Amino acid sequence: MGLIAGRPRSATIQAEIASVLYELPVNAYKQIKRDNPALAQALLSYVIVVIAERLSFASRLIGVLQR
């Protein structure tokens, strides 16, 4: 989200199992937006889906905790 919003990241992660992670540096993201708008749109769509799923989960959790 920090990459998309142009702000410092708001969290870090710690993998529970051995994992392969990829980094998308700001300059590479800007180049994708400039050179391949369709790919940039697909990336944004993916981010929106992930954030929507997290928000939905958080809303359900809050509902359960309020009972």
PDB file of N, CA and C in Angstrom:
ATOM      1  N   MET A   1       0.829  -1.186   0.000  1.00  0.00           N
ATOM      2  CA  MET A   1       0.000   0.000   0.000  1.00  0.00           C
ATOM      3  C   MET A   1       0.876   1.253   0.000  1.00  0.00           C
ATOM      4  N   GLY A   2       2.001   1.179   0.683  1.00  0.00           N
ATOM      5  CA  GLY A   2       2.894   2.325   0.695  1.00  0.00           C
ATOM      6  C   GLY A   2       3.384   2.690  -0.693  1.00  0.00           C
ATOM      7  N   LEU A   3       3.649   1.677  -1.496  1.00  0.00           N
ATOM      8  CA  LEU A   3       4.097   1.907  -2.874  1.00  0.00           C
ATOM      9  C   LEU A   3       3.020   2.634  -3.671  1.00  0.00           C
ATOM     10  N   ILE A   4       1.786   2.176  -3.545  1.00  0.00           N
ATOM     11  CA  ILE A   4       0.685   2.767  -4.301  1.00  0.00           C
ATOM     12  C   ILE A   4       0.385   4.182  -3.822  1.00  0.00           C
ATOM     13  N   ALA A   5       0.427   4.385  -2.503  1.00  0.00           N
ATOM     14  CA  ALA A   5       0.088   5.689  -1.923  1.00  0.00           C
ATOM     15  C   ALA A   5       1.264   6.659  -1.926  1.00  0.00           C
ATOM     16  N   GLY A   6       2.452   6.161  -2.229  1.00  0.00           N
ATOM     17  CA  GLY A   6       3.625   7.030  -2.225  1.00  0.00           C
ATOM     18  C   GLY A   6       4.048   7.426  -0.825  1.00  0.00           C
ATOM     19  N   ARG A   7       3.830   6.526   0.127  1.00  0.00           N
ATOM     20  CA  ARG A   7       4.179   6.780   1.534  1.00  0.00           C
ATOM     21  C   ARG A   7       5.046   5.636   2.043  1.00  0.00           C
ATOM     22  N   PRO A   8       5.707   5.865   3.188  1.00  0.00           N
ATOM     23  CA  PRO A   8       6.470   4.754   3.774  1.00  0.00           C
ATOM     24  C   PRO A   8       5.533   3.601   4.115  1.00  0.00           C
ATOM     25  N   ARG A   9       6.051   2.398   4.044  1.00  0.00           N
ATOM     26  CA  ARG A   9       5.203   1.249   4.378  1.00  0.00           C
ATOM     27  C   ARG A   9       4.761   1.344   5.831  1.00  0.00           C
ATOM     28  N   SER A  10       3.602   0.780   6.094  1.00  0.00           N
ATOM     29  CA  SER A  10       3.023   0.896   7.429  1.00  0.00           C
ATOM     30  C   SER A  10       3.189  -0.372   8.249  1.00  0.00           C
ATOM     31  N   ALA A  11       3.766  -1.403   7.660  1.00  0.00           N
ATOM     32  CA  ALA A  11       3.911  -2.667   8.374  1.00  0.00           C
ATOM     33  C   ALA A  11       5.085  -3.446   7.795  1.00  0.00           C
ATOM     34  N   THR A  12       5.509  -4.425   8.545  1.00  0.00           N
ATOM     35  CA  THR A  12       6.498  -5.379   8.059  1.00  0.00           C
ATOM     36  C   THR A  12       5.866  -6.761   8.169  1.00  0.00           C
ATOM     37  N   ILE A  13       6.500  -7.727   7.553  1.00  0.00           N
ATOM     38  CA  ILE A  13       5.968  -9.091   7.615  1.00  0.00           C
ATOM     39  C   ILE A  13       7.048 -10.022   8.114  1.00  0.00           C
ATOM     40  N   GLN A  14       6.613 -11.159   8.627  1.00  0.00           N
ATOM     41  CA  GLN A  14       7.524 -12.227   9.002  1.00  0.00           C
ATOM     42  C   GLN A  14       6.900 -13.523   8.526  1.00  0.00           C
ATOM     43  N   ALA A  15       7.603 -14.230   7.689  1.00  0.00           N
ATOM     44  CA  ALA A  15       7.091 -15.483   7.133  1.00  0.00           C
ATOM     45  C   ALA A  15       7.135 -16.579   8.187  1.00  0.00           C
ATOM     46  N   GLU A  16       6.102 -17.419   8.192  1.00  0.00           N
ATOM     47  CA  GLU A  16       6.057 -18.554   9.110  1.00  0.00           C
ATOM     48  C   GLU A  16       6.811 -19.756   8.557  1.00  0.00           C
ATOM     49  N   ILE A  17       6.964 -19.800   7.240  1.00  0.00           N
ATOM     50  CA  ILE A  17       7.705 -20.882   6.588  1.00  0.00           C
ATOM     51  C   ILE A  17       8.665 -20.268   5.579  1.00  0.00           C
ATOM     52  N   ALA A  18       9.590 -21.052   5.105  1.00  0.00           N
ATOM     53  CA  ALA A  18      10.519 -20.575   4.081  1.00  0.00           C
ATOM     54  C   ALA A  18       9.718 -20.075   2.884  1.00  0.00           C
ATOM     55  N   SER A  19      10.059 -18.897   2.398  1.00  0.00           N
ATOM     56  CA  SER A  19       9.276 -18.257   1.350  1.00  0.00           C
ATOM     57  C   SER A  19      10.184 -17.572   0.344  1.00  0.00           C
ATOM     58  N   VAL A  20       9.639 -17.353  -0.831  1.00  0.00           N
ATOM     59  CA  VAL A  20      10.306 -16.537  -1.843  1.00  0.00           C
ATOM     60  C   VAL A  20       9.517 -15.242  -1.933  1.00  0.00           C
ATOM     61  N   LEU A  21      10.184 -14.132  -1.742  1.00  0.00           N
ATOM     62  CA  LEU A  21       9.544 -12.819  -1.779  1.00  0.00           C
ATOM     63  C   LEU A  21      10.132 -11.997  -2.909  1.00  0.00           C
ATOM     64  N   TYR A  22       9.309 -11.130  -3.458  1.00  0.00           N
ATOM     65  CA  TYR A  22       9.746 -10.249  -4.529  1.00  0.00           C
ATOM     66  C   TYR A  22       9.511  -8.818  -4.108  1.00  0.00           C
ATOM     67  N   GLU A  23      10.405  -7.947  -4.529  1.00  0.00           N
ATOM     68  CA  GLU A  23      10.311  -6.527  -4.219  1.00  0.00           C
ATOM     69  C   GLU A  23      10.047  -5.770  -5.518  1.00  0.00           C
ATOM     70  N   LEU A  24       9.148  -4.794  -5.433  1.00  0.00           N
ATOM     71  CA  LEU A  24       8.898  -3.916  -6.573  1.00  0.00           C
ATOM     72  C   LEU A  24       9.324  -2.509  -6.157  1.00  0.00           C
ATOM     73  N   PRO A  25      10.535  -2.117  -6.539  1.00  0.00           N
ATOM     74  CA  PRO A  25      11.010  -0.789  -6.173  1.00  0.00           C
ATOM     75  C   PRO A  25      10.153   0.321  -6.797  1.00  0.00           C
ATOM     76  N   VAL A  26      10.140   1.466  -6.170  1.00  0.00           N
ATOM     77  CA  VAL A  26       9.334   2.594  -6.632  1.00  0.00           C
ATOM     78  C   VAL A  26       9.645   2.934  -8.082  1.00  0.00           C
ATOM     79  N   ASN A  27      10.914   2.986  -8.443  1.00  0.00           N
ATOM     80  CA  ASN A  27      11.276   3.336  -9.827  1.00  0.00           C
ATOM     81  C   ASN A  27      10.727   2.334 -10.830  1.00  0.00           C
ATOM     82  N   ALA A  28      10.750   1.047 -10.476  1.00  0.00           N
ATOM     83  CA  ALA A  28      10.207   0.027 -11.375  1.00  0.00           C
ATOM     84  C   ALA A  28       8.699   0.176 -11.505  1.00  0.00           C
ATOM     85  N   TYR A  29       8.025   0.468 -10.393  1.00  0.00           N
ATOM     86  CA  TYR A  29       6.577   0.678 -10.435  1.00  0.00           C
ATOM     87  C   TYR A  29       6.234   1.873 -11.325  1.00  0.00           C
ATOM     88  N   LYS A  30       6.978   2.958 -11.176  1.00  0.00           N
ATOM     89  CA  LYS A  30       6.739   4.141 -12.014  1.00  0.00           C
ATOM     90  C   LYS A  30       6.969   3.825 -13.485  1.00  0.00           C
ATOM     91  N   GLN A  31       7.976   3.013 -13.776  1.00  0.00           N
ATOM     92  CA  GLN A  31       8.244   2.629 -15.169  1.00  0.00           C
ATOM     93  C   GLN A  31       7.102   1.770 -15.715  1.00  0.00           C
ATOM     94  N   ILE A  32       6.588   0.869 -14.912  1.00  0.00           N
ATOM     95  CA  ILE A  32       5.454   0.045 -15.338  1.00  0.00           C
ATOM     96  C   ILE A  32       4.258   0.947 -15.656  1.00  0.00           C
ATOM     97  N   LYS A  33       3.986   1.906 -14.779  1.00  0.00           N
ATOM     98  CA  LYS A  33       2.858   2.810 -15.021  1.00  0.00           C
ATOM     99  C   LYS A  33       3.037   3.580 -16.323  1.00  0.00           C
ATOM    100  N   ARG A  34       4.260   3.977 -16.606  1.00  0.00           N
ATOM    101  CA  ARG A  34       4.543   4.746 -17.811  1.00  0.00           C
ATOM    102  C   ARG A  34       4.534   3.880 -19.073  1.00  0.00           C
ATOM    103  N   ASP A  35       5.185   2.713 -18.996  1.00  0.00           N
ATOM    104  CA  ASP A  35       5.414   1.904 -20.187  1.00  0.00           C
ATOM    105  C   ASP A  35       4.360   0.826 -20.449  1.00  0.00           C
ATOM    106  N   ASN A  36       3.635   0.440 -19.412  1.00  0.00           N
ATOM    107  CA  ASN A  36       2.673  -0.649 -19.576  1.00  0.00           C
ATOM    108  C   ASN A  36       1.435  -0.376 -18.716  1.00  0.00           C
ATOM    109  N   PRO A  37       0.598   0.576 -19.137  1.00  0.00           N
ATOM    110  CA  PRO A  37      -0.574   0.945 -18.339  1.00  0.00           C
ATOM    111  C   PRO A  37      -1.509  -0.230 -18.041  1.00  0.00           C
ATOM    112  N   ALA A  38      -1.614  -1.194 -18.940  1.00  0.00           N
ATOM    113  CA  ALA A  38      -2.487  -2.347 -18.699  1.00  0.00           C
ATOM    114  C   ALA A  38      -1.965  -3.177 -17.523  1.00  0.00           C
ATOM    115  N   LEU A  39      -0.665  -3.371 -17.458  1.00  0.00           N
ATOM    116  CA  LEU A  39      -0.070  -4.104 -16.342  1.00  0.00           C
ATOM    117  C   LEU A  39      -0.251  -3.322 -15.043  1.00  0.00           C
ATOM    118  N   ALA A  40      -0.055  -2.018 -15.098  1.00  0.00           N
ATOM    119  CA  ALA A  40      -0.257  -1.181 -13.908  1.00  0.00           C
ATOM    120  C   ALA A  40      -1.692  -1.281 -13.423  1.00  0.00           C
ATOM    121  N   GLN A  41      -2.646  -1.297 -14.348  1.00  0.00           N
ATOM    122  CA  GLN A  41      -4.062  -1.425 -13.977  1.00  0.00           C
ATOM    123  C   GLN A  41      -4.338  -2.785 -13.348  1.00  0.00           C
ATOM    124  N   ALA A  42      -3.748  -3.836 -13.900  1.00  0.00           N
ATOM    125  CA  ALA A  42      -3.928  -5.175 -13.338  1.00  0.00           C
ATOM    126  C   ALA A  42      -3.353  -5.252 -11.932  1.00  0.00           C
ATOM    127  N   LEU A  43      -2.206  -4.630 -11.721  1.00  0.00           N
ATOM    128  CA  LEU A  43      -1.591  -4.604 -10.386  1.00  0.00           C
ATOM    129  C   LEU A  43      -2.491  -3.872  -9.399  1.00  0.00           C
ATOM    130  N   LEU A  44      -3.019  -2.726  -9.801  1.00  0.00           N
ATOM    131  CA  LEU A  44      -3.924  -1.973  -8.918  1.00  0.00           C
ATOM    132  C   LEU A  44      -5.191  -2.772  -8.620  1.00  0.00           C
ATOM    133  N   SER A  45      -5.715  -3.457  -9.609  1.00  0.00           N
ATOM    134  CA  SER A  45      -6.906  -4.282  -9.399  1.00  0.00           C
ATOM    135  C   SER A  45      -6.625  -5.379  -8.385  1.00  0.00           C
ATOM    136  N   TYR A  46      -5.471  -5.995  -8.473  1.00  0.00           N
ATOM    137  CA  TYR A  46      -5.093  -7.027  -7.513  1.00  0.00           C
ATOM    138  C   TYR A  46      -4.993  -6.456  -6.106  1.00  0.00           C
ATOM    139  N   VAL A  47      -4.347  -5.309  -5.985  1.00  0.00           N
ATOM    140  CA  VAL A  47      -4.211  -4.667  -4.672  1.00  0.00           C
ATOM    141  C   VAL A  47      -5.582  -4.343  -4.096  1.00  0.00           C
ATOM    142  N   ILE A  48      -6.489  -3.859  -4.910  1.00  0.00           N
ATOM    143  CA  ILE A  48      -7.849  -3.535  -4.448  1.00  0.00           C
ATOM    144  C   ILE A  48      -8.550  -4.789  -3.936  1.00  0.00           C
ATOM    145  N   VAL A  49      -8.419  -5.895  -4.639  1.00  0.00           N
ATOM    146  CA  VAL A  49      -9.044  -7.144  -4.201  1.00  0.00           C
ATOM    147  C   VAL A  49      -8.481  -7.583  -2.851  1.00  0.00           C
ATOM    148  N   VAL A  50      -7.180  -7.529  -2.706  1.00  0.00           N
ATOM    149  CA  VAL A  50      -6.547  -7.936  -1.442  1.00  0.00           C
ATOM    150  C   VAL A  50      -7.017  -7.039  -0.301  1.00  0.00           C
ATOM    151  N   ILE A  51      -7.038  -5.733  -0.522  1.00  0.00           N
ATOM    152  CA  ILE A  51      -7.467  -4.806   0.526  1.00  0.00           C
ATOM    153  C   ILE A  51      -8.938  -5.011   0.858  1.00  0.00           C
ATOM    154  N   ALA A  52      -9.769  -5.255  -0.140  1.00  0.00           N
ATOM    155  CA  ALA A  52     -11.193  -5.502   0.103  1.00  0.00           C
ATOM    156  C   ALA A  52     -11.390  -6.764   0.934  1.00  0.00           C
ATOM    157  N   GLU A  53     -10.628  -7.812   0.648  1.00  0.00           N
ATOM    158  CA  GLU A  53     -10.719  -9.045   1.428  1.00  0.00           C
ATOM    159  C   GLU A  53     -10.307  -8.799   2.869  1.00  0.00           C
ATOM    160  N   ARG A  54      -9.253  -8.046   3.077  1.00  0.00           N
ATOM    161  CA  ARG A  54      -8.800  -7.738   4.439  1.00  0.00           C
ATOM    162  C   ARG A  54      -9.827  -6.897   5.186  1.00  0.00           C
ATOM    163  N   LEU A  55     -10.421  -5.937   4.512  1.00  0.00           N
ATOM    164  CA  LEU A  55     -11.439  -5.101   5.136  1.00  0.00           C
ATOM    165  C   LEU A  55     -12.665  -5.926   5.498  1.00  0.00           C
ATOM    166  N   SER A  56     -13.067  -6.817   4.617  1.00  0.00           N
ATOM    167  CA  SER A  56     -14.213  -7.681   4.888  1.00  0.00           C
ATOM    168  C   SER A  56     -13.941  -8.569   6.104  1.00  0.00           C
ATOM    169  N   PHE A  57     -12.759  -9.148   6.166  1.00  0.00           N
ATOM    170  CA  PHE A  57     -12.388  -9.979   7.306  1.00  0.00           C
ATOM    171  C   PHE A  57     -12.398  -9.164   8.593  1.00  0.00           C
ATOM    172  N   ALA A  58     -11.819  -7.973   8.560  1.00  0.00           N
ATOM    173  CA  ALA A  58     -11.785  -7.119   9.748  1.00  0.00           C
ATOM    174  C   ALA A  58     -13.194  -6.744  10.188  1.00  0.00           C
ATOM    175  N   SER A  59     -14.073  -6.465   9.252  1.00  0.00           N
ATOM    176  CA  SER A  59     -15.457  -6.118   9.582  1.00  0.00           C
ATOM    177  C   SER A  59     -16.173  -7.290  10.246  1.00  0.00           C
ATOM    178  N   ARG A  60     -15.977  -8.488   9.704  1.00  0.00           N
ATOM    179  CA  ARG A  60     -16.596  -9.666  10.310  1.00  0.00           C
ATOM    180  C   ARG A  60     -16.044  -9.899  11.719  1.00  0.00           C
ATOM    181  N   LEU A  61     -14.762  -9.742  11.884  1.00  0.00           N
ATOM    182  CA  LEU A  61     -14.130  -9.928  13.192  1.00  0.00           C
ATOM    183  C   LEU A  61     -14.665  -8.923  14.207  1.00  0.00           C
ATOM    184  N   ILE A  62     -14.802  -7.691  13.801  1.00  0.00           N
ATOM    185  CA  ILE A  62     -15.356  -6.664  14.685  1.00  0.00           C
ATOM    186  C   ILE A  62     -16.791  -7.025  15.061  1.00  0.00           C
ATOM    187  N   GLY A  63     -17.566  -7.504  14.108  1.00  0.00           N
ATOM    188  CA  GLY A  63     -18.948  -7.921  14.394  1.00  0.00           C
ATOM    189  C   GLY A  63     -18.996  -9.017  15.427  1.00  0.00           C
ATOM    190  N   VAL A  64     -18.099 -10.002  15.302  1.00  0.00           N
ATOM    191  CA  VAL A  64     -18.048 -11.105  16.269  1.00  0.00           C
ATOM    192  C   VAL A  64     -17.641 -10.584  17.644  1.00  0.00           C
ATOM    193  N   LEU A  65     -16.679  -9.717  17.696  1.00  0.00           N
ATOM    194  CA  LEU A  65     -16.191  -9.202  18.977  1.00  0.00           C
ATOM    195  C   LEU A  65     -17.207  -8.307  19.674  1.00  0.00           C
ATOM    196  N   GLN A  66     -18.107  -7.691  18.908  1.00  0.00           N
ATOM    197  CA  GLN A  66     -19.108  -6.808  19.496  1.00  0.00           C
ATOM    198  C   GLN A  66     -20.267  -7.571  20.125  1.00  0.00           C
ATOM    199  N   ARG A  67     -20.384  -8.854  19.832  1.00  0.00           N
ATOM    200  CA  ARG A  67     -21.494  -9.651  20.378  1.00  0.00           C
ATOM    201  C   ARG A  67     -21.363  -9.874  21.842  1.00  0.00           C
TER     202      ARG A  67
END
